[in-house]
Amino acid sequence: LIYGRFLRMKNNIKGTWQIIQWCPDLATREWVNIGVGFNDGQSYSFKYITKIEKINMIYGDGMGDHLNAVISLVIGFFSKNIFDFSPQIKLIEVGFSQGATINEILDRLFDRIVTFG
């Protein structure tokens, strides 16, 4: 049993994780966590907010549509490994993470970090 647990840990995917933040209004300087990322040393993977209802409730109708446009823009830049392209978007390196799969890692981090997810 102990050996099996060790084996699973040994085969885990390891890397670093990031928080994706968006500032809807630079005047207020309020940052919203809109996703998480994971880098296994070979490539980046990301998970973003897909439900906009909570954003609309907090920031008003239409802000969710704006967020969807922002996420589309972020996906375009991040897919080209361009991470610093706007003062309203931050990709913050947090630290080490590991898990059985990249999706498992992203799901766990997303559920913990993205309040409006």
N, C-alpha and C. Protein backbone atom coordinates (compact mmCIF):
# COMPACT_ATOMS: atom_id res chain seq x y z
N LEU A 1 0.83 -1.20 0.00
CA LEU A 1 0.00 0.00 0.00
C LEU A 1 0.87 1.26 0.00
N ILE A 2 1.86 1.29 0.84
CA ILE A 2 2.75 2.44 0.87
C ILE A 2 3.50 2.55 -0.46
N TYR A 3 3.93 1.42 -1.00
CA TYR A 3 4.65 1.43 -2.26
C TYR A 3 3.76 1.98 -3.37
N GLY A 4 2.48 1.57 -3.40
CA GLY A 4 1.54 2.07 -4.41
C GLY A 4 1.36 3.57 -4.32
N ARG A 5 1.28 4.09 -3.10
CA ARG A 5 1.13 5.53 -2.90
C ARG A 5 2.38 6.25 -3.40
N PHE A 6 3.54 5.72 -3.10
CA PHE A 6 4.80 6.30 -3.56
C PHE A 6 4.85 6.31 -5.09
N LEU A 7 4.43 5.23 -5.71
CA LEU A 7 4.45 5.12 -7.16
C LEU A 7 3.56 6.19 -7.80
N ARG A 8 2.38 6.41 -7.23
CA ARG A 8 1.49 7.44 -7.77
C ARG A 8 2.13 8.82 -7.66
N MET A 9 2.74 9.11 -6.53
CA MET A 9 3.39 10.41 -6.36
C MET A 9 4.54 10.57 -7.34
N LYS A 10 5.27 9.49 -7.57
CA LYS A 10 6.42 9.55 -8.46
C LYS A 10 6.00 9.88 -9.90
N ASN A 11 4.83 9.41 -10.30
CA ASN A 11 4.37 9.61 -11.67
C ASN A 11 3.54 10.88 -11.84
N ASN A 12 3.39 11.66 -10.79
CA ASN A 12 2.64 12.91 -10.90
C ASN A 12 3.30 13.88 -11.87
N ILE A 13 2.45 14.70 -12.48
CA ILE A 13 2.93 15.79 -13.31
C ILE A 13 3.30 16.93 -12.37
N LYS A 14 4.45 17.52 -12.57
CA LYS A 14 4.95 18.58 -11.70
C LYS A 14 5.24 19.82 -12.51
N GLY A 15 5.06 20.97 -11.86
CA GLY A 15 5.36 22.22 -12.54
C GLY A 15 5.03 23.41 -11.66
N THR A 16 4.87 24.55 -12.30
CA THR A 16 4.52 25.77 -11.59
C THR A 16 3.15 26.25 -12.03
N TRP A 17 2.49 26.95 -11.13
CA TRP A 17 1.14 27.44 -11.46
C TRP A 17 1.06 28.95 -11.35
N GLN A 18 0.06 29.49 -12.03
CA GLN A 18 -0.12 30.93 -12.13
C GLN A 18 -1.58 31.30 -11.90
N ILE A 19 -1.78 32.55 -11.47
CA ILE A 19 -3.11 33.14 -11.39
C ILE A 19 -3.23 34.17 -12.51
N ILE A 20 -4.36 34.15 -13.22
CA ILE A 20 -4.64 35.14 -14.25
C ILE A 20 -5.60 36.16 -13.64
N GLN A 21 -5.19 37.42 -13.61
CA GLN A 21 -6.01 38.48 -13.05
C GLN A 21 -6.35 39.52 -14.11
N TRP A 22 -7.54 40.11 -13.93
CA TRP A 22 -8.04 41.15 -14.82
C TRP A 22 -8.50 42.34 -13.98
N CYS A 23 -8.16 43.52 -14.43
CA CYS A 23 -8.59 44.76 -13.77
C CYS A 23 -9.65 45.41 -14.68
N PRO A 24 -10.94 45.26 -14.35
CA PRO A 24 -12.00 45.81 -15.21
C PRO A 24 -11.95 47.33 -15.35
N ASP A 25 -11.44 48.02 -14.31
CA ASP A 25 -11.40 49.48 -14.32
C ASP A 25 -10.10 49.93 -13.68
N LEU A 26 -9.18 50.45 -14.47
CA LEU A 26 -7.88 50.85 -13.95
C LEU A 26 -7.98 51.96 -12.89
N ALA A 27 -9.04 52.73 -12.91
CA ALA A 27 -9.20 53.80 -11.91
C ALA A 27 -9.41 53.22 -10.52
N THR A 28 -10.11 52.08 -10.42
CA THR A 28 -10.38 51.49 -9.10
C THR A 28 -9.26 50.57 -8.63
N ARG A 29 -8.43 50.10 -9.56
CA ARG A 29 -7.32 49.18 -9.24
C ARG A 29 -7.79 47.88 -8.60
N GLU A 30 -9.02 47.47 -8.85
CA GLU A 30 -9.53 46.21 -8.31
C GLU A 30 -9.20 45.08 -9.29
N TRP A 31 -8.62 43.99 -8.78
CA TRP A 31 -8.22 42.87 -9.60
C TRP A 31 -9.13 41.68 -9.33
N VAL A 32 -9.53 41.00 -10.41
CA VAL A 32 -10.40 39.83 -10.33
C VAL A 32 -9.65 38.63 -10.89
N ASN A 33 -9.66 37.53 -10.15
CA ASN A 33 -9.06 36.29 -10.65
C ASN A 33 -9.99 35.69 -11.70
N ILE A 34 -9.50 35.60 -12.93
CA ILE A 34 -10.35 35.09 -14.02
C ILE A 34 -9.87 33.73 -14.54
N GLY A 35 -8.80 33.21 -13.98
CA GLY A 35 -8.32 31.91 -14.42
C GLY A 35 -7.04 31.51 -13.72
N VAL A 36 -6.60 30.31 -14.06
CA VAL A 36 -5.35 29.78 -13.52
C VAL A 36 -4.57 29.14 -14.67
N GLY A 37 -3.27 29.03 -14.46
CA GLY A 37 -2.40 28.40 -15.45
C GLY A 37 -1.49 27.39 -14.80
N PHE A 38 -0.93 26.54 -15.63
CA PHE A 38 0.03 25.54 -15.16
C PHE A 38 1.08 25.34 -16.24
N ASN A 39 2.34 25.34 -15.83
CA ASN A 39 3.46 25.12 -16.75
C ASN A 39 4.21 23.88 -16.28
N ASP A 40 4.22 22.84 -17.11
CA ASP A 40 4.91 21.59 -16.75
C ASP A 40 6.37 21.59 -17.21
N GLY A 41 6.85 22.74 -17.65
CA GLY A 41 8.23 22.84 -18.12
C GLY A 41 8.34 22.71 -19.63
N GLN A 42 7.26 22.24 -20.26
CA GLN A 42 7.25 22.11 -21.72
C GLN A 42 6.23 23.04 -22.36
N SER A 43 5.11 23.25 -21.67
CA SER A 43 4.08 24.12 -22.23
C SER A 43 3.17 24.63 -21.11
N TYR A 44 2.43 25.69 -21.43
CA TYR A 44 1.45 26.26 -20.52
C TYR A 44 0.07 25.70 -20.84
N SER A 45 -0.73 25.53 -19.81
CA SER A 45 -2.14 25.18 -19.94
C SER A 45 -2.92 26.13 -19.05
N PHE A 46 -4.14 26.48 -19.47
CA PHE A 46 -4.92 27.47 -18.73
C PHE A 46 -6.37 27.02 -18.60
N LYS A 47 -7.02 27.53 -17.55
CA LYS A 47 -8.47 27.37 -17.37
C LYS A 47 -9.02 28.73 -17.00
N TYR A 48 -10.10 29.14 -17.67
CA TYR A 48 -10.68 30.48 -17.50
C TYR A 48 -12.13 30.39 -17.03
N ILE A 49 -12.61 31.51 -16.49
CA ILE A 49 -14.03 31.63 -16.14
C ILE A 49 -14.86 31.40 -17.40
N THR A 50 -15.93 30.62 -17.25
CA THR A 50 -16.86 30.43 -18.36
C THR A 50 -18.27 30.90 -18.00
N LYS A 51 -18.55 31.02 -16.71
CA LYS A 51 -19.88 31.47 -16.25
C LYS A 51 -19.81 32.97 -15.96
N ILE A 52 -20.61 33.74 -16.68
CA ILE A 52 -20.53 35.19 -16.53
C ILE A 52 -21.62 35.76 -15.63
N GLU A 53 -22.54 34.92 -15.16
CA GLU A 53 -23.66 35.43 -14.37
C GLU A 53 -23.19 36.16 -13.11
N LYS A 54 -22.23 35.59 -12.40
CA LYS A 54 -21.75 36.22 -11.16
C LYS A 54 -21.05 37.56 -11.45
N ILE A 55 -20.32 37.62 -12.55
CA ILE A 55 -19.66 38.88 -12.93
C ILE A 55 -20.72 39.95 -13.22
N ASN A 56 -21.78 39.57 -13.94
CA ASN A 56 -22.86 40.52 -14.24
C ASN A 56 -23.56 40.99 -12.97
N MET A 57 -23.73 40.08 -12.00
CA MET A 57 -24.39 40.45 -10.74
C MET A 57 -23.56 41.48 -9.97
N ILE A 58 -22.25 41.32 -9.97
CA ILE A 58 -21.38 42.21 -9.20
C ILE A 58 -21.10 43.51 -9.96
N TYR A 59 -20.79 43.42 -11.24
CA TYR A 59 -20.33 44.59 -11.99
C TYR A 59 -21.38 45.19 -12.93
N GLY A 60 -22.53 44.55 -13.05
CA GLY A 60 -23.59 45.07 -13.90
C GLY A 60 -23.71 44.30 -15.21
N ASP A 61 -24.92 44.38 -15.79
CA ASP A 61 -25.17 43.71 -17.07
C ASP A 61 -24.20 44.20 -18.13
N GLY A 62 -23.75 43.29 -18.93
CA GLY A 62 -22.82 43.63 -20.00
C GLY A 62 -21.37 43.39 -19.64
N MET A 63 -21.04 43.39 -18.35
CA MET A 63 -19.64 43.19 -17.96
C MET A 63 -19.20 41.75 -18.28
N GLY A 64 -20.12 40.81 -18.19
CA GLY A 64 -19.79 39.43 -18.55
C GLY A 64 -19.40 39.29 -20.01
N ASP A 65 -20.11 40.02 -20.87
CA ASP A 65 -19.76 40.02 -22.29
C ASP A 65 -18.38 40.64 -22.51
N HIS A 66 -18.10 41.70 -21.75
CA HIS A 66 -16.78 42.33 -21.82
C HIS A 66 -15.71 41.35 -21.37
N LEU A 67 -16.00 40.61 -20.28
CA LEU A 67 -15.05 39.61 -19.79
C LEU A 67 -14.81 38.52 -20.83
N ASN A 68 -15.86 38.07 -21.50
CA ASN A 68 -15.67 37.07 -22.56
C ASN A 68 -14.75 37.58 -23.66
N ALA A 69 -14.89 38.85 -24.02
CA ALA A 69 -14.01 39.45 -25.03
C ALA A 69 -12.57 39.51 -24.52
N VAL A 70 -12.41 39.87 -23.24
CA VAL A 70 -11.08 39.92 -22.64
C VAL A 70 -10.44 38.54 -22.64
N ILE A 71 -11.21 37.52 -22.26
CA ILE A 71 -10.67 36.15 -22.23
C ILE A 71 -10.26 35.71 -23.63
N SER A 72 -11.05 36.05 -24.63
CA SER A 72 -10.66 35.71 -26.01
C SER A 72 -9.34 36.36 -26.39
N LEU A 73 -9.17 37.61 -25.98
CA LEU A 73 -7.91 38.32 -26.23
C LEU A 73 -6.76 37.65 -25.49
N VAL A 74 -6.98 37.32 -24.23
CA VAL A 74 -5.96 36.65 -23.41
C VAL A 74 -5.56 35.32 -24.05
N ILE A 75 -6.52 34.53 -24.47
CA ILE A 75 -6.23 33.24 -25.10
C ILE A 75 -5.35 33.45 -26.32
N GLY A 76 -5.66 34.45 -27.12
CA GLY A 76 -4.86 34.73 -28.31
C GLY A 76 -3.41 35.06 -27.99
N PHE A 77 -3.20 35.93 -27.01
CA PHE A 77 -1.83 36.30 -26.64
C PHE A 77 -1.11 35.15 -25.93
N PHE A 78 -1.78 34.51 -24.97
CA PHE A 78 -1.14 33.42 -24.21
C PHE A 78 -0.77 32.25 -25.12
N SER A 79 -1.58 32.00 -26.16
CA SER A 79 -1.26 30.89 -27.07
C SER A 79 0.04 31.14 -27.83
N LYS A 80 0.45 32.42 -27.89
CA LYS A 80 1.72 32.79 -28.53
C LYS A 80 2.82 33.04 -27.50
N ASN A 81 2.56 32.64 -26.24
CA ASN A 81 3.50 32.85 -25.13
C ASN A 81 3.81 34.32 -24.90
N ILE A 82 2.84 35.17 -25.17
CA ILE A 82 2.94 36.61 -24.87
C ILE A 82 2.09 36.84 -23.63
N PHE A 83 2.76 37.12 -22.50
CA PHE A 83 2.06 37.20 -21.23
C PHE A 83 1.97 38.62 -20.68
N ASP A 84 2.68 39.54 -21.25
CA ASP A 84 2.67 40.93 -20.78
C ASP A 84 2.26 41.81 -21.95
N PHE A 85 0.95 42.05 -22.08
CA PHE A 85 0.46 42.78 -23.24
C PHE A 85 -0.55 43.87 -22.88
N SER A 86 -0.96 43.94 -21.62
CA SER A 86 -1.96 44.93 -21.22
C SER A 86 -1.80 45.25 -19.73
N PRO A 87 -1.99 46.53 -19.35
CA PRO A 87 -1.94 46.85 -17.93
C PRO A 87 -3.13 46.30 -17.16
N GLN A 88 -4.12 45.79 -17.86
CA GLN A 88 -5.31 45.24 -17.20
C GLN A 88 -5.26 43.73 -17.02
N ILE A 89 -4.19 43.09 -17.45
CA ILE A 89 -4.04 41.64 -17.33
C ILE A 89 -2.73 41.32 -16.64
N LYS A 90 -2.79 40.43 -15.64
CA LYS A 90 -1.59 39.96 -14.96
C LYS A 90 -1.56 38.43 -15.00
N LEU A 91 -0.38 37.88 -15.23
CA LEU A 91 -0.14 36.45 -15.04
C LEU A 91 0.87 36.36 -13.90
N ILE A 92 0.40 35.94 -12.75
CA ILE A 92 1.21 35.94 -11.54
C ILE A 92 1.72 34.53 -11.25
N GLU A 93 3.05 34.38 -11.23
CA GLU A 93 3.66 33.10 -10.87
C GLU A 93 3.46 32.88 -9.37
N VAL A 94 2.93 31.72 -9.01
CA VAL A 94 2.64 31.45 -7.61
C VAL A 94 3.63 30.45 -7.02
N GLY A 95 3.83 29.32 -7.68
CA GLY A 95 4.75 28.34 -7.13
C GLY A 95 4.52 26.95 -7.67
N PHE A 96 5.01 25.98 -6.93
CA PHE A 96 5.01 24.58 -7.33
C PHE A 96 3.62 23.97 -7.17
N SER A 97 3.27 23.06 -8.09
CA SER A 97 2.07 22.24 -7.95
C SER A 97 2.31 20.92 -8.66
N GLN A 98 1.53 19.93 -8.27
CA GLN A 98 1.62 18.63 -8.93
C GLN A 98 0.28 17.94 -8.85
N GLY A 99 0.10 16.95 -9.71
CA GLY A 99 -1.14 16.19 -9.72
C GLY A 99 -1.07 15.08 -10.74
N ALA A 100 -2.12 14.28 -10.80
CA ALA A 100 -2.17 13.13 -11.69
C ALA A 100 -2.23 13.55 -13.15
N THR A 101 -2.99 14.63 -13.44
CA THR A 101 -3.11 15.14 -14.81
C THR A 101 -3.10 16.67 -14.77
N ILE A 102 -2.85 17.27 -15.89
CA ILE A 102 -2.88 18.73 -15.97
C ILE A 102 -4.29 19.23 -15.70
N ASN A 103 -5.31 18.56 -16.24
CA ASN A 103 -6.69 18.98 -16.00
C ASN A 103 -7.05 18.90 -14.52
N GLU A 104 -6.59 17.86 -13.83
CA GLU A 104 -6.85 17.74 -12.40
C GLU A 104 -6.22 18.89 -11.64
N ILE A 105 -5.01 19.25 -12.00
CA ILE A 105 -4.31 20.37 -11.35
C ILE A 105 -5.06 21.66 -11.60
N LEU A 106 -5.41 21.93 -12.86
CA LEU A 106 -6.13 23.16 -13.20
C LEU A 106 -7.48 23.23 -12.50
N ASP A 107 -8.23 22.13 -12.48
CA ASP A 107 -9.54 22.12 -11.82
C ASP A 107 -9.41 22.42 -10.33
N ARG A 108 -8.44 21.80 -9.67
CA ARG A 108 -8.24 21.99 -8.23
C ARG A 108 -7.87 23.45 -7.93
N LEU A 109 -6.93 23.99 -8.70
CA LEU A 109 -6.51 25.37 -8.48
C LEU A 109 -7.63 26.37 -8.80
N PHE A 110 -8.33 26.12 -9.89
CA PHE A 110 -9.43 26.99 -10.31
C PHE A 110 -10.50 27.07 -9.22
N ASP A 111 -10.91 25.91 -8.70
CA ASP A 111 -11.95 25.88 -7.67
C ASP A 111 -11.53 26.64 -6.41
N ARG A 112 -10.26 26.66 -6.14
CA ARG A 112 -9.74 27.33 -4.95
C ARG A 112 -9.51 28.83 -5.15
N ILE A 113 -9.13 29.23 -6.35
CA ILE A 113 -8.63 30.59 -6.58
C ILE A 113 -9.64 31.51 -7.26
N VAL A 114 -10.46 30.98 -8.18
CA VAL A 114 -11.33 31.84 -8.99
C VAL A 114 -12.70 31.96 -8.31
N THR A 115 -12.89 33.04 -7.60
CA THR A 115 -14.11 33.26 -6.80
C THR A 115 -15.37 33.24 -7.64
N PHE A 116 -15.33 33.85 -8.80
CA PHE A 116 -16.53 33.96 -9.63
C PHE A 116 -16.67 32.79 -10.60
N GLY A 117 -15.83 31.77 -10.44
CA GLY A 117 -15.87 30.60 -11.33
C GLY A 117 -17.05 29.77 -11.05
